[in-house]
Protein backbone atom coordinates (compact mmCIF):
# COMPACT_ATOMS: atom_id res chain seq x y z
CA MET A 1 -82.28 -28.73 -6.78
CA THR A 2 -78.95 -28.93 -8.55
CA PRO A 3 -78.26 -26.60 -11.52
CA PRO A 4 -78.65 -29.40 -14.14
CA VAL A 5 -82.02 -30.39 -12.65
CA LYS A 6 -83.17 -26.76 -12.58
CA PHE A 7 -82.12 -26.27 -16.19
CA SER A 8 -83.93 -29.45 -17.27
CA ALA A 9 -87.07 -28.38 -15.41
CA PHE A 10 -86.89 -24.97 -17.06
CA LEU A 11 -86.60 -26.52 -20.52
CA ILE A 12 -89.59 -28.77 -19.88
CA LEU A 13 -91.64 -25.83 -18.59
CA PHE A 14 -90.63 -23.73 -21.59
CA ALA A 15 -91.60 -26.47 -24.04
CA VAL A 16 -94.96 -27.03 -22.36
CA THR A 17 -95.88 -23.34 -22.31
CA VAL A 18 -94.87 -22.78 -25.93
CA ALA A 19 -96.71 -25.88 -27.18
CA PHE A 20 -99.86 -25.35 -25.10
CA PRO A 21 -101.97 -23.47 -27.71
CA LEU A 22 -100.88 -25.95 -30.38
CA VAL A 23 -102.01 -28.94 -28.32
CA VAL A 24 -105.05 -27.42 -26.57
CA SER A 25 -107.27 -25.76 -29.15
CA LEU A 26 -110.40 -25.11 -27.07
CA PRO A 27 -110.84 -21.32 -26.63
CA THR A 28 -112.04 -21.77 -23.03
CA TYR A 29 -108.82 -23.42 -21.91
CA GLN A 30 -106.71 -21.03 -23.94
CA ASN A 31 -108.49 -18.07 -22.35
CA PHE A 32 -107.85 -19.55 -18.89
CA ALA A 33 -104.14 -19.83 -19.69
CA ILE A 34 -104.08 -16.24 -20.97
CA LEU A 35 -105.66 -15.00 -17.73
CA VAL A 36 -103.07 -16.89 -15.69
CA LEU A 37 -100.22 -15.39 -17.70
CA MET A 38 -101.65 -11.85 -17.49
CA VAL A 39 -102.25 -11.99 -13.73
CA ALA A 40 -98.84 -13.61 -13.18
CA GLN A 41 -97.17 -10.80 -15.13
CA LEU A 42 -98.85 -8.20 -12.93
CA GLY A 43 -97.77 -10.07 -9.80
CA VAL A 44 -94.18 -10.26 -11.04
CA ALA A 45 -94.24 -6.52 -11.76
CA TRP A 46 -95.62 -5.77 -8.27
CA ASN A 47 -92.99 -8.05 -6.72
CA ILE A 48 -90.20 -5.67 -7.74
CA LEU A 49 -91.60 -3.00 -5.44
CA GLY A 50 -93.40 -5.03 -2.79
CA GLY A 51 -91.18 -8.10 -2.71
CA TYR A 52 -87.68 -6.66 -3.01
CA ALA A 53 -88.09 -3.11 -1.73
CA GLY A 54 -90.73 -4.04 0.86
CA GLN A 55 -93.07 -1.20 -0.17
CA VAL A 56 -96.58 -2.65 -0.09
CA SER A 57 -98.58 -0.89 -2.79
CA LEU A 58 -102.35 -1.39 -2.87
CA GLY A 59 -102.89 1.03 -5.73
CA HIS A 60 -101.16 -0.62 -8.69
CA ALA A 61 -104.43 -0.51 -10.61
CA ALA A 62 -103.62 3.16 -11.25
CA PHE A 63 -100.63 2.16 -13.40
CA PHE A 64 -102.61 -0.62 -15.04
CA GLY A 65 -105.37 1.84 -15.93
CA ILE A 66 -102.94 4.47 -17.18
CA GLY A 67 -101.43 1.94 -19.57
CA ALA A 68 -104.84 0.79 -20.76
CA TYR A 69 -106.27 4.28 -21.22
CA THR A 70 -103.13 5.74 -22.84
CA SER A 71 -102.94 3.09 -25.52
CA SER A 72 -106.72 3.07 -26.07
CA ALA A 73 -106.87 6.85 -26.39
CA LEU A 74 -104.01 6.88 -28.89
CA VAL A 75 -105.80 4.25 -30.96
CA THR A 76 -109.28 5.82 -30.92
CA LEU A 77 -108.40 9.52 -30.91
CA ALA A 78 -105.08 9.69 -32.77
CA GLY A 79 -105.26 6.54 -34.88
CA LEU A 80 -101.84 5.35 -33.72
CA SER A 81 -100.77 1.74 -33.46
CA PRO A 82 -101.48 -0.04 -30.15
CA TRP A 83 -97.82 -1.05 -30.08
CA ILE A 84 -96.91 2.62 -29.89
CA GLY A 85 -99.56 2.93 -27.19
CA LEU A 86 -97.89 0.06 -25.31
CA VAL A 87 -94.64 2.01 -25.05
CA ALA A 88 -96.38 5.34 -24.46
CA GLY A 89 -98.52 3.86 -21.69
CA ALA A 90 -95.46 2.45 -19.95
CA GLY A 91 -93.77 5.87 -20.19
CA MET A 92 -96.81 7.71 -18.84
CA ALA A 93 -97.14 5.29 -15.93
CA CYS A 94 -93.43 5.64 -15.18
CA LEU A 95 -93.62 9.46 -15.08
CA PHE A 96 -96.74 9.32 -12.92
CA ALA A 97 -95.03 6.84 -10.59
CA LEU A 98 -92.03 9.14 -10.14
CA VAL A 99 -94.30 12.04 -9.15
CA VAL A 100 -96.43 9.96 -6.82
CA GLY A 101 -93.43 8.14 -5.35
CA ALA A 102 -91.63 11.37 -4.51
CA ILE A 103 -94.63 12.25 -2.32
CA CYS A 104 -95.80 8.88 -0.97
CA PHE A 105 -92.36 7.54 -0.08
CA ARG A 106 -92.27 10.10 2.70
CA LEU A 107 -94.72 7.75 4.44
CA LYS A 108 -93.88 4.39 5.94
CA GLY A 109 -95.63 1.08 6.55
CA HIS A 110 -99.41 1.01 6.40
CA TYR A 111 -99.50 4.76 5.82
CA PHE A 112 -97.78 4.22 2.47
CA ALA A 113 -100.23 1.46 1.58
CA MET A 114 -103.17 3.72 2.43
CA ALA A 115 -101.69 6.51 0.32
CA THR A 116 -101.41 4.23 -2.72
CA ILE A 117 -105.09 3.29 -2.35
CA ALA A 118 -105.98 6.98 -2.26
CA VAL A 119 -103.91 7.67 -5.38
CA ALA A 120 -105.65 4.88 -7.31
CA GLU A 121 -109.07 6.16 -6.22
CA ILE A 122 -108.18 9.70 -7.32
CA VAL A 123 -107.08 8.46 -10.74
CA GLN A 124 -110.31 6.51 -11.11
CA VAL A 125 -112.44 9.54 -10.21
CA VAL A 126 -110.50 11.80 -12.59
CA ILE A 127 -110.82 9.42 -15.54
CA SER A 128 -114.49 8.73 -14.76
CA ASN A 129 -115.17 12.45 -15.16
CA CYS A 130 -112.95 13.00 -18.20
CA ASP A 131 -115.16 13.48 -21.26
CA PRO A 132 -112.38 13.06 -23.89
CA LEU A 133 -111.79 9.57 -22.45
CA SER A 134 -115.54 8.79 -22.50
CA GLY A 135 -115.72 9.10 -18.73
CA ALA A 136 -117.61 6.36 -16.93
CA VAL A 137 -119.02 5.01 -20.22
CA GLY A 138 -115.72 3.47 -21.24
CA ILE A 139 -113.83 3.13 -24.52
CA TYR A 140 -114.67 0.64 -27.26
CA LEU A 141 -111.67 -0.29 -29.37
CA PRO A 142 -112.11 -1.01 -33.11
CA LEU A 143 -112.57 -4.62 -34.17
CA THR A 144 -110.93 -4.00 -37.52
CA PRO A 145 -108.42 -4.15 -39.02
CA ARG A 146 -107.12 -7.44 -37.63
CA GLY A 147 -103.57 -8.69 -37.51
CA ALA A 148 -100.31 -8.27 -35.65
CA ALA A 149 -99.90 -4.63 -36.67
CA ALA A 150 -103.32 -3.72 -35.29
CA PHE A 151 -102.88 -5.88 -32.14
CA VAL A 152 -106.32 -7.41 -32.83
CA PHE A 153 -106.67 -11.14 -33.52
CA SER A 154 -109.57 -13.44 -34.27
CA GLY A 155 -108.24 -16.32 -32.18
CA LYS A 156 -106.86 -16.72 -28.66
CA ALA A 157 -103.43 -18.13 -29.52
CA PRO A 158 -101.80 -14.81 -30.53
CA TYR A 159 -102.91 -13.19 -27.25
CA TYR A 160 -101.48 -16.20 -25.42
CA TYR A 161 -98.04 -15.79 -26.97
CA ILE A 162 -98.04 -12.04 -26.39
CA ALA A 163 -98.97 -12.57 -22.73
CA LEU A 164 -96.30 -15.27 -22.44
CA THR A 165 -93.69 -12.95 -23.96
CA LEU A 166 -94.64 -10.14 -21.62
CA LEU A 167 -94.46 -12.48 -18.62
CA ALA A 168 -91.07 -13.79 -19.74
CA ALA A 169 -89.77 -10.24 -20.14
CA SER A 170 -91.06 -9.31 -16.67
CA LEU A 171 -89.43 -12.40 -15.15
CA LEU A 172 -86.15 -11.52 -16.87
CA VAL A 173 -86.26 -7.96 -15.54
CA ASN A 174 -87.11 -9.31 -12.09
CA HIS A 175 -84.22 -11.77 -12.24
CA LEU A 176 -81.71 -9.16 -13.42
CA ILE A 177 -82.75 -6.75 -10.68
CA ALA A 178 -82.55 -9.47 -8.03
CA ARG A 179 -78.99 -10.36 -9.08
CA SER A 180 -77.81 -6.77 -9.49
CA ARG A 181 -76.45 -4.29 -6.97
CA VAL A 182 -79.81 -2.51 -7.03
CA GLY A 183 -81.51 -5.73 -5.98
CA TYR A 184 -79.18 -6.22 -3.03
CA TYR A 185 -79.74 -2.60 -2.00
CA LEU A 186 -83.50 -3.03 -2.24
CA ARG A 187 -83.44 -6.10 0.00
CA ALA A 188 -81.28 -4.20 2.46
CA ILE A 189 -83.85 -1.40 2.47
CA LYS A 190 -86.60 -3.93 3.08
CA ASP A 191 -84.86 -5.75 5.95
CA GLU A 192 -82.91 -2.96 7.71
CA PRO A 193 -83.71 0.50 6.30
CA ASP A 194 -81.85 2.36 9.05
CA ALA A 195 -78.74 0.25 8.61
CA ALA A 196 -78.92 0.70 4.84
CA ARG A 197 -79.18 4.46 5.23
CA SER A 198 -76.20 4.49 7.58
CA LEU A 199 -74.14 2.72 4.91
CA GLY A 200 -74.85 5.50 2.43
CA ILE A 201 -77.60 3.83 0.40
CA ASN A 202 -79.92 6.39 -1.17
CA LEU A 203 -83.29 5.01 -0.07
CA PRO A 204 -85.63 7.42 -1.93
CA ARG A 205 -83.73 7.02 -5.21
CA LEU A 206 -83.75 3.22 -5.12
CA LYS A 207 -87.42 3.10 -4.14
CA LEU A 208 -88.25 5.36 -7.07
CA ILE A 209 -86.32 3.07 -9.42
CA ALA A 210 -88.25 0.03 -8.16
CA LEU A 211 -91.58 1.88 -8.46
CA ALA A 212 -90.78 3.16 -11.97
CA VAL A 213 -89.87 -0.28 -13.31
CA SER A 214 -92.84 -1.91 -11.57
CA SER A 215 -95.29 0.70 -12.88
CA ALA A 216 -93.99 0.46 -16.47
CA LEU A 217 -94.42 -3.33 -16.55
CA THR A 218 -97.87 -3.04 -14.98
CA ALA A 219 -98.92 -0.48 -17.60
CA MET A 220 -97.87 -2.87 -20.38
CA GLY A 221 -100.19 -5.42 -18.85
CA GLY A 222 -102.96 -2.82 -18.98
CA THR A 223 -102.43 -2.31 -22.72
CA LEU A 224 -102.58 -6.06 -23.32
CA TYR A 225 -105.84 -6.27 -21.37
CA ALA A 226 -107.37 -3.42 -23.38
CA GLN A 227 -106.43 -5.00 -26.70
CA LYS A 228 -107.67 -8.43 -25.63
CA GLU A 229 -111.05 -7.25 -24.34
CA LEU A 230 -111.42 -4.33 -26.82
CA PHE A 231 -113.29 -2.41 -24.12
CA ILE A 232 -112.22 -0.68 -20.94
CA ASP A 233 -113.95 1.41 -18.31
CA PRO A 234 -112.79 2.78 -14.92
CA PRO A 235 -114.12 -0.10 -12.77
CA SER A 236 -112.46 -2.77 -14.91
CA VAL A 237 -108.96 -1.26 -15.07
CA LEU A 238 -108.82 1.06 -12.05
CA GLY A 239 -110.85 -0.75 -9.38
CA THR A 240 -109.54 -1.34 -5.87
CA GLN A 241 -110.23 -5.07 -6.21
CA LEU A 242 -107.74 -5.22 -9.08
CA SER A 243 -105.06 -3.57 -6.92
CA LEU A 244 -105.69 -6.10 -4.17
CA LYS A 245 -105.54 -9.00 -6.62
CA ILE A 246 -102.18 -7.83 -7.99
CA ALA A 247 -100.71 -7.65 -4.48
CA LEU A 248 -102.30 -10.86 -3.18
CA VAL A 249 -100.98 -12.89 -6.10
CA ALA A 250 -97.41 -12.18 -5.02
CA ILE A 251 -98.18 -12.51 -1.32
CA LEU A 252 -99.81 -15.92 -1.68
CA GLY A 253 -97.24 -17.27 -4.12
CA GLY A 254 -94.23 -15.92 -2.28
CA VAL A 255 -93.10 -12.34 -1.82
CA GLY A 256 -89.59 -11.67 -3.02
CA THR A 257 -89.34 -14.89 -5.03
CA LEU A 258 -89.08 -15.14 -8.81
CA TRP A 259 -91.75 -17.77 -9.46
CA GLY A 260 -93.98 -17.07 -6.46
CA PRO A 261 -96.31 -14.66 -8.29
CA VAL A 262 -96.70 -17.15 -11.14
CA ILE A 263 -97.78 -19.86 -8.70
CA GLY A 264 -100.10 -17.44 -6.92
CA ALA A 265 -101.67 -16.41 -10.23
CA ALA A 266 -102.38 -20.02 -11.19
CA VAL A 267 -104.10 -20.61 -7.85
CA LEU A 268 -106.06 -17.34 -7.93
CA VAL A 269 -107.37 -17.67 -11.49
CA ALA A 270 -108.29 -21.32 -10.85
CA ILE A 271 -110.31 -20.28 -7.79
CA GLU A 272 -112.03 -17.48 -9.70
CA GLU A 273 -112.98 -19.70 -12.62
CA CYS A 274 -114.19 -22.54 -10.38
CA SER A 275 -116.35 -20.19 -8.30
CA ARG A 276 -117.79 -18.72 -11.51
CA ILE A 277 -118.60 -22.19 -12.85
CA PHE A 278 -120.09 -23.65 -9.67
CA PHE A 279 -121.76 -20.60 -8.13
CA GLY A 280 -122.32 -18.18 -11.01
CA SER A 281 -123.54 -14.71 -10.09
CA SER A 282 -124.97 -16.01 -6.80
CA GLY A 283 -121.46 -16.75 -5.54
CA LEU A 284 -120.04 -13.31 -6.18
CA GLY A 285 -117.06 -12.80 -3.89
CA THR A 286 -116.68 -16.51 -3.08
CA ASP A 287 -113.31 -16.58 -4.81
CA MET A 288 -112.00 -13.79 -2.57
CA ILE A 289 -113.22 -15.61 0.55
CA VAL A 290 -111.43 -18.80 -0.46
CA TYR A 291 -108.37 -16.83 -1.51
CA GLY A 292 -108.28 -14.93 1.78
CA THR A 293 -108.54 -18.20 3.69
CA LEU A 294 -105.62 -19.61 1.73
CA ILE A 295 -103.54 -16.55 2.51
CA ILE A 296 -104.23 -16.94 6.24
CA VAL A 297 -103.27 -20.62 6.14
CA VAL A 298 -100.12 -19.97 4.12
CA ALA A 299 -99.15 -17.03 6.34
CA VAL A 300 -99.38 -19.27 9.41
CA LYS A 301 -97.67 -22.30 7.90
CA SER A 302 -95.19 -20.57 5.59
CA PRO A 303 -94.68 -16.77 5.60
CA SER A 304 -92.68 -17.19 2.38
CA GLY A 305 -95.83 -18.31 0.55
CA ILE A 306 -96.56 -21.37 -1.55
CA ALA A 307 -93.12 -21.11 -3.13
CA GLY A 308 -91.62 -21.47 0.34
CA LEU A 309 -93.73 -24.56 1.04
CA LEU A 310 -92.65 -26.14 -2.23
CA ARG A 311 -89.00 -25.32 -1.54
CA ALA A 312 -89.24 -26.87 1.93
CA GLY A 313 -90.87 -29.97 0.45
CA VAL A 314 -88.10 -30.37 -2.14
CA GLN A 315 -85.43 -29.93 0.52
CA ALA A 316 -87.14 -32.53 2.71
CA LEU A 317 -87.21 -35.06 -0.14
CA GLN A 318 -83.55 -34.41 -0.93
CA ALA A 319 -82.62 -34.82 2.74
CA ARG A 320 -84.43 -38.16 2.96
CA ARG A 321 -82.51 -39.46 -0.04
CA ARG A 322 -79.22 -38.67 1.68
CA PRO A 323 -78.43 -41.08 4.53
CA GLY A 324 -77.60 -39.38 7.78
CA VAL A 325 -79.05 -36.01 6.75
CA ALA A 326 -82.06 -34.79 8.71
CA ALA A 327 -84.98 -33.10 6.95
CA PRO A 328 -85.59 -29.40 7.73
CA GLN A 329 -88.67 -30.23 9.84
CA GLU A 330 -86.71 -32.80 11.87
CA VAL A 331 -83.99 -30.24 12.54
CA GLU A 332 -86.58 -27.77 13.82
CA GLU A 333 -88.13 -30.41 16.09
CA ARG A 334 -84.72 -31.31 17.56
CA ALA A 335 -83.99 -27.64 18.21
């Protein structure tokens, strides 16, 4: 796609997303859109670490839960604004990530992934047994007062715009990192870590930067979830299934791409909602089966995810419109 076409497509997408709550007033559809935006934001945050740095984390629910519990505790125990809790939760998750990263980044490959799962499980056990945080019972957030200052709204539209803003900010951070020197270093670490080290790139430092930024954005998503649901407990914000969902969104959509996690989130949430509608409680886990099948198919057909398939399709259409230019698939067949 040429730059003018990309810019036009971006403007159309921006107009559609901004106007959606104004055109679609049904709470069910608005809630579906909010879930897509929230999951997409988490996938974009994970992509900074897993997509660019190549560090597959399966414990990002720990940062999500830290953000949710920090903001909720400040609201219920200290009476502070949830917006202060949003920033405080991001800071707490960032500090925790730096401590954990300094230890876990000594491990490589699947050992690192296993370590992140263990960290998330430890955090869940600790919070489940912490009486000041209501332990396994969970925290109920106050329904009143309502308004922007209290981060509590009677309708779905305000949550939609907050989720959209948070996703846009995460995409901007992702884009800036990808185009910066740090982004190039991270991709070098992912592709050829030994060569990157030989060139003087500080691998531990750059990995910690990626983890810190990723954890802070994930924690902000946790605060938004807490304020939207007005109730949190360890299974809902610290569960292993949540960590897997965050990672799989980016993997299915396209690891290391800007819009891949957004595409993956739309597919995942659609599968979850459809399985809930058609199967109800009897089909528990059906969404993960379908999602896992999709991942296998995409991994075989296109390791770069759905975003890679779409990019290949666009390139094929452009090649067919140009006389004498072979499509990518034709070139592969000739080779």
